Amino acid sequence: MYKSKKFEDLTISDDFMFGIVMRDPKYCKPFLETILNIKISRIEYPEDQKTINLSLDAKSIRLDVYVEDDFDTVYNIEMQNGHHKNLPKRTRYYQGMIDLNLLDKGMDYTQLKQSFVIFVCTFDPFHIGRHVYTFENRCVEDPNLPLNDGTQKIILNTKGIFDDVRPELKRLLNFIDGRQPEDSFTQDLSKAVESAKRNEKWRHDYMTLQMAYDEKYREGLETGIQQGIERGITTSARRMLSSGKYSDSEISEITGLSVEQIQALKNSAK
């Protein structure tokens, strides 16, 4: 059953709070550097991505974090704290949306930027135990031959059990998983989360978003109940027809279906 989370209970693992904290380059840049083990001179937030898109349309381009560095590399970071069975397809979808967004700006496909799609998961989507799963396109016949299409998908797992990552990345994943900060960077992230909770604008935006989600959930629930009732009525009418004990008018009176609807059920049975 869907239940909204209170604003004061949000942590860095909630995508709304994650998006707020990562708006600040002093947190986003070291976050990327820790994950990728690289140094980034600076990052930029494209103009149309500076504010969090509160759209409820799941098919819209709504990215938790979308930044570019000084070498025109694109980074998309998504926080995932639900067990999505279609996670691989989601990474494909996000990659496609990024490329389409770039091409919409008039770029030729040969100018597509190198991109990283990074999913931070609070669960192990592959049930293997690794902290990091890195994917890139390679030749099936010769795995040593990369496609070099400039894309890479990285899935992080805060529940990893192997000793397979650097200590600083392990401390970051532990913090996202709900543990206390273990170094200066995770302490900074913790302070940023607490600071965001004192921001009335963010509180109002979150409450507005949750109200919209609640309304959409109720509408879906009501629709589901109504559909269930309608299926039950239709099933009852079919059983009454198959028994041969009731006339069309009697079935109509009992179920509330019109005679025309009952006749249609007869025809579909035939």
C-alpha atoms as a PDB file:
ATOM      1  CA  MET A   1       0.000   0.000   0.000  1.00  0.00           C
ATOM      2  CA  TYR A   2       1.310   3.423  -0.974  1.00  0.00           C
ATOM      3  CA  LYS A   3       2.182   5.712   1.923  1.00  0.00           C
ATOM      4  CA  SER A   4       3.853   9.091   1.542  1.00  0.00           C
ATOM      5  CA  LYS A   5       6.935   9.866   3.619  1.00  0.00           C
ATOM      6  CA  LYS A   6       7.129  12.897   5.869  1.00  0.00           C
ATOM      7  CA  PHE A   7       9.515  15.621   4.713  1.00  0.00           C
ATOM      8  CA  GLU A   8      11.433  15.557   8.001  1.00  0.00           C
ATOM      9  CA  ASP A   9      12.000  11.810   7.570  1.00  0.00           C
ATOM     10  CA  LEU A  10      13.678  12.115   4.174  1.00  0.00           C
ATOM     11  CA  THR A  11      17.278  10.949   3.797  1.00  0.00           C
ATOM     12  CA  ILE A  12      19.858  11.177   1.044  1.00  0.00           C
ATOM     13  CA  SER A  13      18.436   7.911  -0.376  1.00  0.00           C
ATOM     14  CA  ASP A  14      15.101   9.585  -1.204  1.00  0.00           C
ATOM     15  CA  ASP A  15      15.225  10.913  -4.744  1.00  0.00           C
ATOM     16  CA  PHE A  16      13.624  14.251  -3.812  1.00  0.00           C
ATOM     17  CA  MET A  17      16.252  14.974  -1.134  1.00  0.00           C
ATOM     18  CA  PHE A  18      19.011  13.557  -3.309  1.00  0.00           C
ATOM     19  CA  GLY A  19      18.036  15.931  -6.103  1.00  0.00           C
ATOM     20  CA  ILE A  20      18.094  18.899  -3.725  1.00  0.00           C
ATOM     21  CA  VAL A  21      21.545  18.135  -2.304  1.00  0.00           C
ATOM     22  CA  MET A  22      23.060  17.379  -5.698  1.00  0.00           C
ATOM     23  CA  ARG A  23      21.956  20.787  -7.003  1.00  0.00           C
ATOM     24  CA  ASP A  24      25.027  22.152  -5.290  1.00  0.00           C
ATOM     25  CA  PRO A  25      28.274  21.421  -7.200  1.00  0.00           C
ATOM     26  CA  LYS A  26      30.275  21.296  -3.958  1.00  0.00           C
ATOM     27  CA  TYR A  27      28.435  18.035  -3.224  1.00  0.00           C
ATOM     28  CA  CYS A  28      27.741  16.764  -6.732  1.00  0.00           C
ATOM     29  CA  LYS A  29      31.330  17.060  -8.006  1.00  0.00           C
ATOM     30  CA  PRO A  30      32.958  15.029  -5.198  1.00  0.00           C
ATOM     31  CA  PHE A  31      30.055  12.593  -5.402  1.00  0.00           C
ATOM     32  CA  LEU A  32      30.922  11.861  -9.037  1.00  0.00           C
ATOM     33  CA  GLU A  33      34.650  11.852  -8.323  1.00  0.00           C
ATOM     34  CA  THR A  34      34.165   9.300  -5.549  1.00  0.00           C
ATOM     35  CA  ILE A  35      32.070   7.007  -7.750  1.00  0.00           C
ATOM     36  CA  LEU A  36      34.216   7.204 -10.887  1.00  0.00           C
ATOM     37  CA  ASN A  37      37.621   7.661  -9.217  1.00  0.00           C
ATOM     38  CA  ILE A  38      38.431  10.639 -11.432  1.00  0.00           C
ATOM     39  CA  LYS A  39      39.126  14.332 -10.985  1.00  0.00           C
ATOM     40  CA  ILE A  40      36.655  16.817 -12.452  1.00  0.00           C
ATOM     41  CA  SER A  41      37.655  20.466 -12.801  1.00  0.00           C
ATOM     42  CA  ARG A  42      34.120  21.770 -12.767  1.00  0.00           C
ATOM     43  CA  ILE A  43      30.549  20.757 -13.533  1.00  0.00           C
ATOM     44  CA  GLU A  44      27.725  22.707 -15.120  1.00  0.00           C
ATOM     45  CA  TYR A  45      23.968  22.427 -14.803  1.00  0.00           C
ATOM     46  CA  PRO A  46      22.254  22.912 -18.179  1.00  0.00           C
ATOM     47  CA  GLU A  47      19.696  25.725 -18.060  1.00  0.00           C
ATOM     48  CA  ASP A  48      16.642  23.505 -18.449  1.00  0.00           C
ATOM     49  CA  GLN A  49      17.839  21.185 -15.684  1.00  0.00           C
ATOM     50  CA  LYS A  50      18.529  23.744 -12.942  1.00  0.00           C
ATOM     51  CA  THR A  51      15.222  23.129 -11.206  1.00  0.00           C
ATOM     52  CA  ILE A  52      13.788  19.772 -10.245  1.00  0.00           C
ATOM     53  CA  ASN A  53      10.986  18.854 -12.611  1.00  0.00           C
ATOM     54  CA  LEU A  54       7.980  17.930 -10.462  1.00  0.00           C
ATOM     55  CA  SER A  55       6.150  16.300 -13.365  1.00  0.00           C
ATOM     56  CA  LEU A  56       4.086  13.248 -12.465  1.00  0.00           C
ATOM     57  CA  ASP A  57       4.331  11.879 -15.996  1.00  0.00           C
ATOM     58  CA  ALA A  58       6.576   8.833 -15.718  1.00  0.00           C
ATOM     59  CA  LYS A  59       7.418   9.069 -19.423  1.00  0.00           C
ATOM     60  CA  SER A  60       8.672  12.647 -19.280  1.00  0.00           C
ATOM     61  CA  ILE A  61      12.367  13.500 -19.086  1.00  0.00           C
ATOM     62  CA  ARG A  62      12.651  13.833 -15.324  1.00  0.00           C
ATOM     63  CA  LEU A  63      16.209  13.302 -14.211  1.00  0.00           C
ATOM     64  CA  ASP A  64      17.288  13.405 -10.559  1.00  0.00           C
ATOM     65  CA  VAL A  65      20.687  14.859 -11.446  1.00  0.00           C
ATOM     66  CA  TYR A  66      21.909  15.880 -14.896  1.00  0.00           C
ATOM     67  CA  VAL A  67      25.256  17.680 -15.174  1.00  0.00           C
ATOM     68  CA  GLU A  68      28.082  18.186 -17.619  1.00  0.00           C
ATOM     69  CA  ASP A  69      31.783  18.662 -16.964  1.00  0.00           C
ATOM     70  CA  ASP A  70      34.392  20.840 -18.664  1.00  0.00           C
ATOM     71  CA  PHE A  71      35.146  18.046 -21.169  1.00  0.00           C
ATOM     72  CA  ASP A  72      31.508  17.912 -22.371  1.00  0.00           C
ATOM     73  CA  THR A  73      30.839  14.639 -20.609  1.00  0.00           C
ATOM     74  CA  VAL A  74      27.247  14.154 -19.456  1.00  0.00           C
ATOM     75  CA  TYR A  75      26.425  12.568 -16.109  1.00  0.00           C
ATOM     76  CA  ASN A  76      22.967  11.397 -15.113  1.00  0.00           C
ATOM     77  CA  ILE A  77      22.627  10.139 -11.526  1.00  0.00           C
ATOM     78  CA  GLU A  78      19.426   8.462 -10.356  1.00  0.00           C
ATOM     79  CA  MET A  79      18.551   7.324  -6.849  1.00  0.00           C
ATOM     80  CA  GLN A  80      16.664   4.020  -6.824  1.00  0.00           C
ATOM     81  CA  ASN A  81      15.237   2.751  -3.543  1.00  0.00           C
ATOM     82  CA  GLY A  82      12.513   0.502  -4.958  1.00  0.00           C
ATOM     83  CA  HIS A  83      12.954  -2.998  -6.358  1.00  0.00           C
ATOM     84  CA  HIS A  84      12.299  -2.267 -10.021  1.00  0.00           C
ATOM     85  CA  LYS A  85      12.252  -5.454 -12.053  1.00  0.00           C
ATOM     86  CA  ASN A  86      12.834  -3.475 -15.221  1.00  0.00           C
ATOM     87  CA  LEU A  87      15.986  -1.705 -14.031  1.00  0.00           C
ATOM     88  CA  PRO A  88      18.095  -2.601 -17.116  1.00  0.00           C
ATOM     89  CA  LYS A  89      15.378  -1.266 -19.418  1.00  0.00           C
ATOM     90  CA  ARG A  90      15.191   1.876 -17.271  1.00  0.00           C
ATOM     91  CA  THR A  91      18.888   2.539 -17.828  1.00  0.00           C
ATOM     92  CA  ARG A  92      18.332   2.095 -21.555  1.00  0.00           C
ATOM     93  CA  TYR A  93      15.388   4.501 -21.469  1.00  0.00           C
ATOM     94  CA  TYR A  94      17.338   7.164 -19.583  1.00  0.00           C
ATOM     95  CA  GLN A  95      20.271   6.830 -21.969  1.00  0.00           C
ATOM     96  CA  GLY A  96      17.938   7.259 -24.924  1.00  0.00           C
ATOM     97  CA  MET A  97      16.308  10.314 -23.375  1.00  0.00           C
ATOM     98  CA  ILE A  98      19.690  11.941 -22.818  1.00  0.00           C
ATOM     99  CA  ASP A  99      20.718  11.370 -26.437  1.00  0.00           C
ATOM    100  CA  LEU A 100      17.388  12.627 -27.773  1.00  0.00           C
ATOM    101  CA  ASN A 101      17.652  15.693 -25.570  1.00  0.00           C
ATOM    102  CA  LEU A 102      21.066  16.469 -27.021  1.00  0.00           C
ATOM    103  CA  LEU A 103      19.924  15.906 -30.612  1.00  0.00           C
ATOM    104  CA  ASP A 104      16.877  18.114 -30.036  1.00  0.00           C
ATOM    105  CA  LYS A 105      19.295  20.977 -29.470  1.00  0.00           C
ATOM    106  CA  GLY A 106      20.485  20.678 -33.068  1.00  0.00           C
ATOM    107  CA  MET A 107      23.498  18.454 -32.593  1.00  0.00           C
ATOM    108  CA  ASP A 108      24.471  15.900 -35.211  1.00  0.00           C
ATOM    109  CA  TYR A 109      24.706  12.336 -33.892  1.00  0.00           C
ATOM    110  CA  THR A 110      28.464  12.437 -34.487  1.00  0.00           C
ATOM    111  CA  GLN A 111      28.607  15.164 -31.826  1.00  0.00           C
ATOM    112  CA  LEU A 112      26.901  13.111 -29.134  1.00  0.00           C
ATOM    113  CA  LYS A 113      28.768  13.569 -25.870  1.00  0.00           C
ATOM    114  CA  GLN A 114      30.260  10.847 -23.744  1.00  0.00           C
ATOM    115  CA  SER A 115      27.710   9.975 -21.109  1.00  0.00           C
ATOM    116  CA  PHE A 116      27.418   8.091 -17.840  1.00  0.00           C
ATOM    117  CA  VAL A 117      24.083   6.835 -16.533  1.00  0.00           C
ATOM    118  CA  ILE A 118      24.560   6.088 -12.841  1.00  0.00           C
ATOM    119  CA  PHE A 119      21.901   4.332 -10.757  1.00  0.00           C
ATOM    120  CA  VAL A 120      22.445   4.334  -6.996  1.00  0.00           C
ATOM    121  CA  CYS A 121      20.408   1.416  -5.619  1.00  0.00           C
ATOM    122  CA  THR A 122      19.627   0.661  -1.990  1.00  0.00           C
ATOM    123  CA  PHE A 123      19.187  -2.983  -3.014  1.00  0.00           C
ATOM    124  CA  ASP A 124      21.134  -5.489  -5.095  1.00  0.00           C
ATOM    125  CA  PRO A 125      19.376  -5.698  -8.471  1.00  0.00           C
ATOM    126  CA  PHE A 126      21.444  -8.704  -9.583  1.00  0.00           C
ATOM    127  CA  HIS A 127      21.704 -10.591  -6.252  1.00  0.00           C
ATOM    128  CA  ILE A 128      25.438 -11.170  -6.691  1.00  0.00           C
ATOM    129  CA  GLY A 129      26.827  -9.058  -3.860  1.00  0.00           C
ATOM    130  CA  ARG A 130      28.929  -6.519  -5.738  1.00  0.00           C
ATOM    131  CA  HIS A 131      28.946  -2.859  -4.797  1.00  0.00           C
ATOM    132  CA  VAL A 132      29.423  -1.767  -8.402  1.00  0.00           C
ATOM    133  CA  TYR A 133      28.170  -3.177 -11.709  1.00  0.00           C
ATOM    134  CA  THR A 134      29.600  -1.425 -14.782  1.00  0.00           C
ATOM    135  CA  PHE A 135      28.173  -2.014 -18.247  1.00  0.00           C
ATOM    136  CA  GLU A 136      29.338  -0.931 -21.668  1.00  0.00           C
ATOM    137  CA  ASN A 137      28.698  -2.201 -25.178  1.00  0.00           C
ATOM    138  CA  ARG A 138      31.157  -4.836 -26.388  1.00  0.00           C
ATOM    139  CA  CYS A 139      31.328  -7.359 -29.201  1.00  0.00           C
ATOM    140  CA  VAL A 140      29.742 -10.695 -28.275  1.00  0.00           C
ATOM    141  CA  GLU A 141      32.198 -12.651 -30.433  1.00  0.00           C
ATOM    142  CA  ASP A 142      35.205 -10.721 -29.112  1.00  0.00           C
ATOM    143  CA  PRO A 143      34.618  -9.227 -25.629  1.00  0.00           C
ATOM    144  CA  ASN A 144      37.951  -7.392 -25.925  1.00  0.00           C
ATOM    145  CA  LEU A 145      36.489  -5.300 -28.727  1.00  0.00           C
ATOM    146  CA  PRO A 146      34.534  -2.302 -27.336  1.00  0.00           C
ATOM    147  CA  LEU A 147      31.950  -0.523 -29.444  1.00  0.00           C
ATOM    148  CA  ASN A 148      33.266   2.852 -28.256  1.00  0.00           C
ATOM    149  CA  ASP A 149      29.866   4.514 -28.525  1.00  0.00           C
ATOM    150  CA  GLY A 150      30.702   6.799 -25.603  1.00  0.00           C
ATOM    151  CA  THR A 151      28.144   5.371 -23.180  1.00  0.00           C
ATOM    152  CA  GLN A 152      28.555   3.641 -19.869  1.00  0.00           C
ATOM    153  CA  LYS A 153      25.988   2.502 -17.322  1.00  0.00           C
ATOM    154  CA  ILE A 154      27.007   2.104 -13.694  1.00  0.00           C
ATOM    155  CA  ILE A 155      24.744   0.531 -11.089  1.00  0.00           C
ATOM    156  CA  LEU A 156      25.784   0.974  -7.465  1.00  0.00           C
ATOM    157  CA  ASN A 157      24.511  -1.318  -4.723  1.00  0.00           C
ATOM    158  CA  THR A 158      24.585  -0.074  -1.111  1.00  0.00           C
ATOM    159  CA  LYS A 159      23.989  -3.644   0.091  1.00  0.00           C
ATOM    160  CA  GLY A 160      27.191  -5.077  -1.404  1.00  0.00           C
ATOM    161  CA  ILE A 161      29.093  -7.713   0.556  1.00  0.00           C
ATOM    162  CA  PHE A 162      32.354  -7.968  -1.418  1.00  0.00           C
ATOM    163  CA  ASP A 163      35.545  -6.044  -0.724  1.00  0.00           C
ATOM    164  CA  ASP A 164      35.444  -4.663  -4.257  1.00  0.00           C
ATOM    165  CA  VAL A 165      35.490  -0.851  -3.939  1.00  0.00           C
ATOM    166  CA  ARG A 166      37.778   1.847  -2.586  1.00  0.00           C
ATOM    167  CA  PRO A 167      37.262   2.812   1.085  1.00  0.00           C
ATOM    168  CA  GLU A 168      35.908   6.276   0.252  1.00  0.00           C
ATOM    169  CA  LEU A 169      33.261   4.818  -2.051  1.00  0.00           C
ATOM    170  CA  LYS A 170      32.354   2.182   0.543  1.00  0.00           C
ATOM    171  CA  ARG A 171      31.854   4.927   3.146  1.00  0.00           C
ATOM    172  CA  LEU A 172      29.641   6.851   0.733  1.00  0.00           C
ATOM    173  CA  LEU A 173      27.502   3.796  -0.013  1.00  0.00           C
ATOM    174  CA  ASN A 174      27.241   3.034   3.703  1.00  0.00           C
ATOM    175  CA  PHE A 175      25.974   6.552   4.349  1.00  0.00           C
ATOM    176  CA  ILE A 176      23.373   6.282   1.580  1.00  0.00           C
ATOM    177  CA  ASP A 177      22.328   2.964   3.125  1.00  0.00           C
ATOM    178  CA  GLY A 178      21.485   4.725   6.371  1.00  0.00           C
ATOM    179  CA  ARG A 179      24.660   4.464   8.413  1.00  0.00           C
ATOM    180  CA  GLN A 180      26.298   7.346  10.258  1.00  0.00           C
ATOM    181  CA  PRO A 181      28.857   9.485   8.368  1.00  0.00           C
ATOM    182  CA  GLU A 182      32.356   8.030   8.487  1.00  0.00           C
ATOM    183  CA  ASP A 183      34.408  10.785   6.836  1.00  0.00           C
ATOM    184  CA  SER A 184      34.346  14.510   6.085  1.00  0.00           C
ATOM    185  CA  PHE A 185      32.445  14.157   2.804  1.00  0.00           C
ATOM    186  CA  THR A 186      29.594  12.073   4.216  1.00  0.00           C
ATOM    187  CA  GLN A 187      29.453  14.456   7.170  1.00  0.00           C
ATOM    188  CA  ASP A 188      29.035  17.315   4.702  1.00  0.00           C
ATOM    189  CA  LEU A 189      26.251  15.410   2.945  1.00  0.00           C
ATOM    190  CA  SER A 190      24.533  14.768   6.269  1.00  0.00           C
ATOM    191  CA  LYS A 191      24.659  18.491   7.116  1.00  0.00           C
ATOM    192  CA  ALA A 192      23.305  19.336   3.666  1.00  0.00           C
ATOM    193  CA  VAL A 193      20.327  17.038   4.218  1.00  0.00           C
ATOM    194  CA  GLU A 194      19.569  18.617   7.597  1.00  0.00           C
ATOM    195  CA  SER A 195      19.897  22.090   6.106  1.00  0.00           C
ATOM    196  CA  ALA A 196      17.471  21.203   3.306  1.00  0.00           C
ATOM    197  CA  LYS A 197      14.928  20.036   5.881  1.00  0.00           C
ATOM    198  CA  ARG A 198      14.908  23.553   7.351  1.00  0.00           C
ATOM    199  CA  ASN A 199      14.123  25.095   3.972  1.00  0.00           C
ATOM    200  CA  GLU A 200      10.427  25.979   3.862  1.00  0.00           C
ATOM    201  CA  LYS A 201      10.393  26.251   0.078  1.00  0.00           C
ATOM    202  CA  TRP A 202      11.598  22.665  -0.306  1.00  0.00           C
ATOM    203  CA  ARG A 203       9.115  21.518   2.315  1.00  0.00           C
ATOM    204  CA  HIS A 204       6.290  23.203   0.410  1.00  0.00           C
ATOM    205  CA  ASP A 205       7.453  21.762  -2.932  1.00  0.00           C
ATOM    206  CA  TYR A 206       7.647  18.278  -1.435  1.00  0.00           C
ATOM    207  CA  MET A 207       4.215  18.534   0.153  1.00  0.00           C
ATOM    208  CA  THR A 208       2.764  19.769  -3.140  1.00  0.00           C
ATOM    209  CA  LEU A 209       4.327  16.843  -4.951  1.00  0.00           C
ATOM    210  CA  GLN A 210       3.081  14.328  -2.376  1.00  0.00           C
ATOM    211  CA  MET A 211      -0.440  15.738  -2.532  1.00  0.00           C
ATOM    212  CA  ALA A 212      -0.405  15.226  -6.288  1.00  0.00           C
ATOM    213  CA  TYR A 213       0.916  11.672  -5.855  1.00  0.00           C
ATOM    214  CA  ASP A 214      -1.732  10.937  -3.208  1.00  0.00           C
ATOM    215  CA  GLU A 215      -4.487  12.198  -5.474  1.00  0.00           C
ATOM    216  CA  LYS A 216      -3.195  10.165  -8.380  1.00  0.00           C
ATOM    217  CA  TYR A 217      -2.982   7.071  -6.145  1.00  0.00           C
ATOM    218  CA  ARG A 218      -6.543   7.546  -4.927  1.00  0.00           C
ATOM    219  CA  GLU A 219      -7.769   7.988  -8.485  1.00  0.00           C
ATOM    220  CA  GLY A 220      -5.999   4.799  -9.477  1.00  0.00           C
ATOM    221  CA  LEU A 221      -7.384   2.964  -6.464  1.00  0.00           C
ATOM    222  CA  GLU A 222     -10.910   4.133  -7.177  1.00  0.00           C
ATOM    223  CA  THR A 223     -10.544   3.181 -10.826  1.00  0.00           C
ATOM    224  CA  GLY A 224      -9.251  -0.257  -9.827  1.00  0.00           C
ATOM    225  CA  ILE A 225     -12.151  -0.799  -7.429  1.00  0.00           C
ATOM    226  CA  GLN A 226     -14.652   0.263 -10.075  1.00  0.00           C
ATOM    227  CA  GLN A 227     -13.058  -1.990 -12.657  1.00  0.00           C
ATOM    228  CA  GLY A 228     -13.159  -4.858 -10.173  1.00  0.00           C
ATOM    229  CA  ILE A 229     -16.852  -4.263  -9.536  1.00  0.00           C
ATOM    230  CA  GLU A 230     -17.558  -4.152 -13.256  1.00  0.00           C
ATOM    231  CA  ARG A 231     -15.625  -7.389 -13.841  1.00  0.00           C
ATOM    232  CA  GLY A 232     -17.559  -9.035 -11.006  1.00  0.00           C
ATOM    233  CA  ILE A 233     -20.904  -7.942 -12.473  1.00  0.00           C
ATOM    234  CA  THR A 234     -19.906  -9.139 -15.928  1.00  0.00           C
ATOM    235  CA  THR A 235     -18.789 -12.508 -14.523  1.00  0.00           C
ATOM    236  CA  SER A 236     -22.082 -12.897 -12.671  1.00  0.00           C
ATOM    237  CA  ALA A 237     -24.047 -12.076 -15.831  1.00  0.00           C
ATOM    238  CA  ARG A 238     -22.085 -14.657 -17.816  1.00  0.00           C
ATOM    239  CA  ARG A 239     -22.794 -17.320 -15.211  1.00  0.00           C
ATOM    240  CA  MET A 240     -26.502 -16.489 -15.218  1.00  0.00           C
ATOM    241  CA  LEU A 241     -26.542 -16.721 -19.005  1.00  0.00           C
ATOM    242  CA  SER A 242     -24.747 -20.062 -19.025  1.00  0.00           C
ATOM    243  CA  SER A 243     -27.193 -21.493 -16.469  1.00  0.00           C
ATOM    244  CA  GLY A 244     -30.108 -20.871 -18.837  1.00  0.00           C
ATOM    245  CA  LYS A 245     -32.393 -20.125 -15.883  1.00  0.00           C
ATOM    246  CA  TYR A 246     -32.710 -16.394 -16.403  1.00  0.00           C
ATOM    247  CA  SER A 247     -34.092 -14.248 -19.163  1.00  0.00           C
ATOM    248  CA  ASP A 248     -32.202 -11.235 -20.485  1.00  0.00           C
ATOM    249  CA  SER A 249     -34.576  -8.876 -18.672  1.00  0.00           C
ATOM    250  CA  GLU A 250     -34.115 -10.717 -15.379  1.00  0.00           C
ATOM    251  CA  ILE A 251     -30.318 -10.599 -15.682  1.00  0.00           C
ATOM    252  CA  SER A 252     -30.568  -6.899 -16.522  1.00  0.00           C
ATOM    253  CA  GLU A 253     -32.658  -6.217 -13.456  1.00  0.00           C
ATOM    254  CA  ILE A 254     -30.337  -8.161 -11.149  1.00  0.00           C
ATOM    255  CA  THR A 255     -26.962  -6.933 -12.445  1.00  0.00           C
ATOM    256  CA  GLY A 256     -27.877  -3.456 -13.636  1.00  0.00           C
ATOM    257  CA  LEU A 257     -26.475  -4.169 -17.106  1.00  0.00           C
ATOM    258  CA  SER A 258     -28.515  -3.079 -20.083  1.00  0.00           C
ATOM    259  CA  VAL A 259     -30.188  -5.640 -22.319  1.00  0.00           C
ATOM    260  CA  GLU A 260     -27.834  -4.554 -25.101  1.00  0.00           C
ATOM    261  CA  GLN A 261     -24.803  -5.312 -22.895  1.00  0.00           C
ATOM    262  CA  ILE A 262     -26.207  -8.721 -22.042  1.00  0.00           C
ATOM    263  CA  GLN A 263     -26.797  -9.424 -25.723  1.00  0.00           C
ATOM    264  CA  ALA A 264     -23.170  -8.435 -26.385  1.00  0.00           C
ATOM    265  CA  LEU A 265     -22.033 -10.933 -23.715  1.00  0.00           C
ATOM    266  CA  LYS A 266     -24.072 -13.609 -25.471  1.00  0.00           C
ATOM    267  CA  ASN A 267     -22.456 -12.792 -28.802  1.00  0.00           C
ATOM    268  CA  SER A 268     -18.956 -12.833 -27.314  1.00  0.00           C
ATOM    269  CA  ALA A 269     -19.663 -16.238 -25.781  1.00  0.00           C
ATOM    270  CA  LYS A 270     -20.705 -17.550 -29.173  1.00  0.00           C
END
